[in-house]
Amino acid sequence: MKVLERKNDLGLLVLRLSIGVMMLLHGISKLLKGVEGIKSMVVSQGFPSFIAYGVLVGEVIAPILIIVGFRTRLSAAVLAFNCFVAWFLVHSGDLFALNAQGGWAIELLGLFFFGSLTLFFTGGGKYAMSKKSMWD
């Protein structure tokens, strides 16, 4: 085995695990603390409050599916949409803003969004649980 040999499937596994685990931690926090704060944001934008529970799909269910590699492309699309909604509801004024250290003000959200887009385009790789559906 060559040290510098390309390992695309291993890279996809690392991406799935990192995006999935880090987003799942956000979701677990919402499971423990509730989604009341998100409900108020959703209602303030004119949407019905039940939509706030969609965050649990995007931050708990989708990351678990991404981690195990089941319907990775579909789950990644859900996660990317979740990131878009978070940007729209909370960070829409920060799209072109920099933080105090000079980095992008929404860089964590951006990393989740672009990481999930990458998984949407590539799929989960050979170390994924399922690989036969167009949504894998």
Foldseek 3Di string as FASTA:
>chain_A
DDPPDDDVLVVLLVLLQVLLVVLLVVLVVCVVVPQVVVLVLCVVVPHHSVVSCLSNCLRHVLSVCSNQQHLLLVSLVSVLVSLVVCCVRPNVVQQPPADPVRHRPCVVSVSSNVSSVVCNVPGRHPNHPDDPDNSD
